Amino acid sequence: PEVAPNPATDQVTPFLQKLHKGDATILCAAHLAKVSAFVTWNTRDFMALGVKSLVDFPIVVPADGLKLFRKWIEPFSV
C-alpha cells in the first residue's frame, strides 16, 4: 500500500463530473499515483457508466484484484 497526497482542486474537477467529491478525490489520487489497478468493493460508484474512461488502469473488485496480482507476479515465480 502507498499513501498518495490529496490532489489539487483543478485535478479533481474532471472526476467530479462522474463521482461524488470523496470518491472523485480518491480515484483522482490513484490516477496521479499511477497505480496498476484500483481495487474496491464500491461497485455502485466506481464502476458506474463513464467512470472507467477517467483512468488508464482497471477498476476491479478484490477477487479480480488478486487475479491481476497473481498474473503480474507469475514471471517472478520460481
N, C-alpha and C. Protein backbone atom coordinates (compact mmCIF):
# COMPACT_ATOMS: atom_id res chain seq x y z
N PRO A 1 0.83 -1.20 0.00
CA PRO A 1 0.00 0.00 0.00
C PRO A 1 0.87 1.26 0.00
N GLU A 2 0.35 2.26 -0.62
CA GLU A 2 1.04 3.54 -0.70
C GLU A 2 0.04 4.65 -0.39
N VAL A 3 0.46 5.62 0.39
CA VAL A 3 -0.40 6.76 0.71
C VAL A 3 -0.11 7.85 -0.32
N ALA A 4 -1.13 8.26 -1.03
CA ALA A 4 -0.99 9.29 -2.05
C ALA A 4 -1.46 10.63 -1.48
N PRO A 5 -0.82 11.71 -1.88
CA PRO A 5 -1.27 13.03 -1.40
C PRO A 5 -2.63 13.40 -2.00
N ASN A 6 -3.33 14.29 -1.33
CA ASN A 6 -4.61 14.77 -1.86
C ASN A 6 -4.35 15.57 -3.13
N PRO A 7 -5.13 15.33 -4.17
CA PRO A 7 -4.95 16.08 -5.41
C PRO A 7 -5.47 17.51 -5.26
N ALA A 8 -4.97 18.39 -6.11
CA ALA A 8 -5.43 19.77 -6.13
C ALA A 8 -6.85 19.82 -6.70
N THR A 9 -7.56 20.86 -6.37
CA THR A 9 -8.95 21.02 -6.82
C THR A 9 -9.08 20.92 -8.33
N ASP A 10 -8.18 21.55 -9.08
CA ASP A 10 -8.28 21.51 -10.54
C ASP A 10 -8.03 20.11 -11.09
N GLN A 11 -7.28 19.30 -10.36
CA GLN A 11 -7.03 17.93 -10.81
C GLN A 11 -8.25 17.03 -10.60
N VAL A 12 -9.04 17.34 -9.59
CA VAL A 12 -10.22 16.54 -9.26
C VAL A 12 -11.42 16.89 -10.15
N THR A 13 -11.43 18.08 -10.70
CA THR A 13 -12.59 18.58 -11.46
C THR A 13 -13.15 17.59 -12.47
N PRO A 14 -12.34 16.97 -13.34
CA PRO A 14 -12.93 16.01 -14.30
C PRO A 14 -13.60 14.82 -13.62
N PHE A 15 -13.09 14.42 -12.48
CA PHE A 15 -13.63 13.27 -11.75
C PHE A 15 -14.97 13.61 -11.09
N LEU A 16 -15.16 14.89 -10.79
CA LEU A 16 -16.41 15.33 -10.16
C LEU A 16 -17.60 15.25 -11.11
N GLN A 17 -17.34 15.14 -12.40
CA GLN A 17 -18.43 15.02 -13.37
C GLN A 17 -19.08 13.64 -13.31
N LYS A 18 -18.36 12.66 -12.75
CA LYS A 18 -18.87 11.28 -12.70
C LYS A 18 -19.05 10.73 -11.28
N LEU A 19 -18.38 11.37 -10.29
CA LEU A 19 -18.37 10.83 -8.92
C LEU A 19 -18.64 11.92 -7.88
N HIS A 20 -19.08 11.48 -6.71
CA HIS A 20 -19.22 12.39 -5.58
C HIS A 20 -17.83 12.84 -5.13
N LYS A 21 -17.75 13.95 -4.41
CA LYS A 21 -16.47 14.56 -4.06
C LYS A 21 -15.48 13.58 -3.42
N GLY A 22 -15.90 12.83 -2.42
CA GLY A 22 -14.99 11.90 -1.74
C GLY A 22 -14.45 10.84 -2.67
N ASP A 23 -15.34 10.25 -3.45
CA ASP A 23 -14.92 9.21 -4.39
C ASP A 23 -14.06 9.80 -5.51
N ALA A 24 -14.41 10.99 -5.96
CA ALA A 24 -13.64 11.66 -7.02
C ALA A 24 -12.21 11.93 -6.56
N THR A 25 -12.07 12.37 -5.33
CA THR A 25 -10.74 12.66 -4.78
C THR A 25 -9.91 11.39 -4.68
N ILE A 26 -10.52 10.31 -4.23
CA ILE A 26 -9.82 9.02 -4.08
C ILE A 26 -9.35 8.51 -5.44
N LEU A 27 -10.24 8.50 -6.43
CA LEU A 27 -9.87 7.97 -7.74
C LEU A 27 -8.84 8.88 -8.43
N CYS A 28 -8.98 10.17 -8.25
CA CYS A 28 -8.01 11.11 -8.83
C CYS A 28 -6.62 10.89 -8.21
N ALA A 29 -6.57 10.70 -6.90
CA ALA A 29 -5.29 10.45 -6.23
C ALA A 29 -4.66 9.15 -6.76
N ALA A 30 -5.47 8.13 -6.98
CA ALA A 30 -4.96 6.87 -7.53
C ALA A 30 -4.42 7.10 -8.94
N HIS A 31 -5.13 7.88 -9.72
CA HIS A 31 -4.70 8.20 -11.08
C HIS A 31 -3.36 8.93 -11.07
N LEU A 32 -3.22 9.92 -10.20
CA LEU A 32 -1.98 10.69 -10.11
C LEU A 32 -0.82 9.85 -9.60
N ALA A 33 -1.13 8.85 -8.77
CA ALA A 33 -0.09 7.96 -8.23
C ALA A 33 0.31 6.89 -9.25
N LYS A 34 -0.38 6.86 -10.39
CA LYS A 34 -0.09 5.90 -11.46
C LYS A 34 -0.15 4.45 -10.97
N VAL A 35 -1.27 4.12 -10.31
CA VAL A 35 -1.45 2.76 -9.81
C VAL A 35 -1.62 1.78 -10.96
N SER A 36 -1.38 0.52 -10.69
CA SER A 36 -1.57 -0.52 -11.70
C SER A 36 -3.02 -0.98 -11.77
N ALA A 37 -3.73 -0.86 -10.65
CA ALA A 37 -5.14 -1.24 -10.59
C ALA A 37 -5.76 -0.56 -9.37
N PHE A 38 -7.07 -0.36 -9.42
CA PHE A 38 -7.82 0.21 -8.31
C PHE A 38 -8.77 -0.87 -7.83
N VAL A 39 -8.59 -1.30 -6.58
CA VAL A 39 -9.38 -2.40 -6.03
C VAL A 39 -10.39 -1.84 -5.04
N THR A 40 -11.66 -2.17 -5.23
CA THR A 40 -12.72 -1.61 -4.38
C THR A 40 -13.92 -2.55 -4.31
N TRP A 41 -14.65 -2.44 -3.20
CA TRP A 41 -15.93 -3.13 -3.09
C TRP A 41 -17.05 -2.20 -3.57
N ASN A 42 -16.75 -0.92 -3.73
CA ASN A 42 -17.76 0.07 -4.11
C ASN A 42 -18.04 0.03 -5.61
N THR A 43 -18.71 -1.00 -6.04
CA THR A 43 -19.01 -1.16 -7.46
C THR A 43 -20.08 -0.18 -7.92
N ARG A 44 -20.95 0.23 -7.04
CA ARG A 44 -22.04 1.14 -7.41
C ARG A 44 -21.49 2.46 -7.94
N ASP A 45 -20.47 3.01 -7.29
CA ASP A 45 -19.94 4.31 -7.69
C ASP A 45 -18.77 4.20 -8.66
N PHE A 46 -17.76 3.39 -8.30
CA PHE A 46 -16.54 3.35 -9.10
C PHE A 46 -16.68 2.57 -10.41
N MET A 47 -17.73 1.77 -10.53
CA MET A 47 -17.95 1.04 -11.78
C MET A 47 -19.17 1.56 -12.52
N ALA A 48 -19.61 2.76 -12.17
CA ALA A 48 -20.74 3.37 -12.85
C ALA A 48 -20.33 3.77 -14.27
N LEU A 49 -21.30 3.94 -15.11
CA LEU A 49 -21.08 4.29 -16.51
C LEU A 49 -20.19 5.53 -16.64
N GLY A 50 -19.14 5.41 -17.40
CA GLY A 50 -18.25 6.53 -17.69
C GLY A 50 -17.08 6.71 -16.75
N VAL A 51 -17.09 6.06 -15.60
CA VAL A 51 -16.01 6.26 -14.62
C VAL A 51 -14.70 5.67 -15.13
N LYS A 52 -14.75 4.49 -15.73
CA LYS A 52 -13.53 3.84 -16.21
C LYS A 52 -12.82 4.66 -17.28
N SER A 53 -13.56 5.52 -17.98
CA SER A 53 -12.95 6.35 -19.02
C SER A 53 -12.05 7.44 -18.44
N LEU A 54 -12.15 7.68 -17.13
CA LEU A 54 -11.34 8.72 -16.48
C LEU A 54 -9.91 8.26 -16.19
N VAL A 55 -9.69 6.94 -16.21
CA VAL A 55 -8.40 6.40 -15.79
C VAL A 55 -7.85 5.41 -16.82
N ASP A 56 -6.58 5.10 -16.69
CA ASP A 56 -5.95 4.16 -17.62
C ASP A 56 -5.53 2.87 -16.93
N PHE A 57 -6.24 2.51 -15.87
CA PHE A 57 -5.98 1.28 -15.14
C PHE A 57 -7.31 0.60 -14.85
N PRO A 58 -7.29 -0.71 -14.60
CA PRO A 58 -8.54 -1.41 -14.32
C PRO A 58 -9.09 -1.06 -12.93
N ILE A 59 -10.41 -0.99 -12.85
CA ILE A 59 -11.11 -0.82 -11.57
C ILE A 59 -11.79 -2.15 -11.32
N VAL A 60 -11.38 -2.84 -10.24
CA VAL A 60 -11.83 -4.21 -10.02
C VAL A 60 -12.24 -4.46 -8.58
N VAL A 61 -12.99 -5.53 -8.37
CA VAL A 61 -13.32 -5.99 -7.02
C VAL A 61 -12.13 -6.80 -6.49
N PRO A 62 -12.05 -7.02 -5.16
CA PRO A 62 -10.90 -7.71 -4.59
C PRO A 62 -10.54 -9.05 -5.24
N ALA A 63 -11.51 -9.87 -5.55
CA ALA A 63 -11.21 -11.18 -6.16
C ALA A 63 -10.49 -11.01 -7.49
N ASP A 64 -10.94 -10.05 -8.29
CA ASP A 64 -10.28 -9.80 -9.57
C ASP A 64 -8.93 -9.12 -9.37
N GLY A 65 -8.81 -8.33 -8.32
CA GLY A 65 -7.52 -7.72 -7.98
C GLY A 65 -6.48 -8.79 -7.66
N LEU A 66 -6.90 -9.83 -6.94
CA LEU A 66 -5.98 -10.93 -6.64
C LEU A 66 -5.57 -11.68 -7.91
N LYS A 67 -6.50 -11.83 -8.84
CA LYS A 67 -6.18 -12.49 -10.10
C LYS A 67 -5.14 -11.66 -10.88
N LEU A 68 -5.34 -10.35 -10.91
CA LEU A 68 -4.37 -9.48 -11.59
C LEU A 68 -3.01 -9.56 -10.92
N PHE A 69 -3.00 -9.53 -9.60
CA PHE A 69 -1.74 -9.59 -8.85
C PHE A 69 -1.00 -10.89 -9.15
N ARG A 70 -1.73 -11.97 -9.15
CA ARG A 70 -1.12 -13.28 -9.44
C ARG A 70 -0.52 -13.29 -10.85
N LYS A 71 -1.24 -12.71 -11.80
CA LYS A 71 -0.75 -12.64 -13.18
C LYS A 71 0.53 -11.80 -13.26
N TRP A 72 0.58 -10.70 -12.50
CA TRP A 72 1.73 -9.81 -12.54
C TRP A 72 2.96 -10.44 -11.89
N ILE A 73 2.77 -11.28 -10.86
CA ILE A 73 3.93 -11.86 -10.18
C ILE A 73 4.38 -13.18 -10.78
N GLU A 74 3.58 -13.77 -11.66
CA GLU A 74 3.94 -15.05 -12.28
C GLU A 74 5.35 -15.07 -12.86
N PRO A 75 5.77 -14.05 -13.59
CA PRO A 75 7.12 -14.10 -14.16
C PRO A 75 8.23 -14.17 -13.11
N PHE A 76 7.94 -13.77 -11.90
CA PHE A 76 8.95 -13.77 -10.85
C PHE A 76 8.92 -15.04 -10.00
N SER A 77 7.93 -15.89 -10.25
CA SER A 77 7.81 -17.15 -9.51
C SER A 77 8.88 -18.12 -9.95
N VAL A 78 9.31 -18.91 -9.00
CA VAL A 78 10.34 -19.90 -9.34
C VAL A 78 9.69 -21.25 -9.59
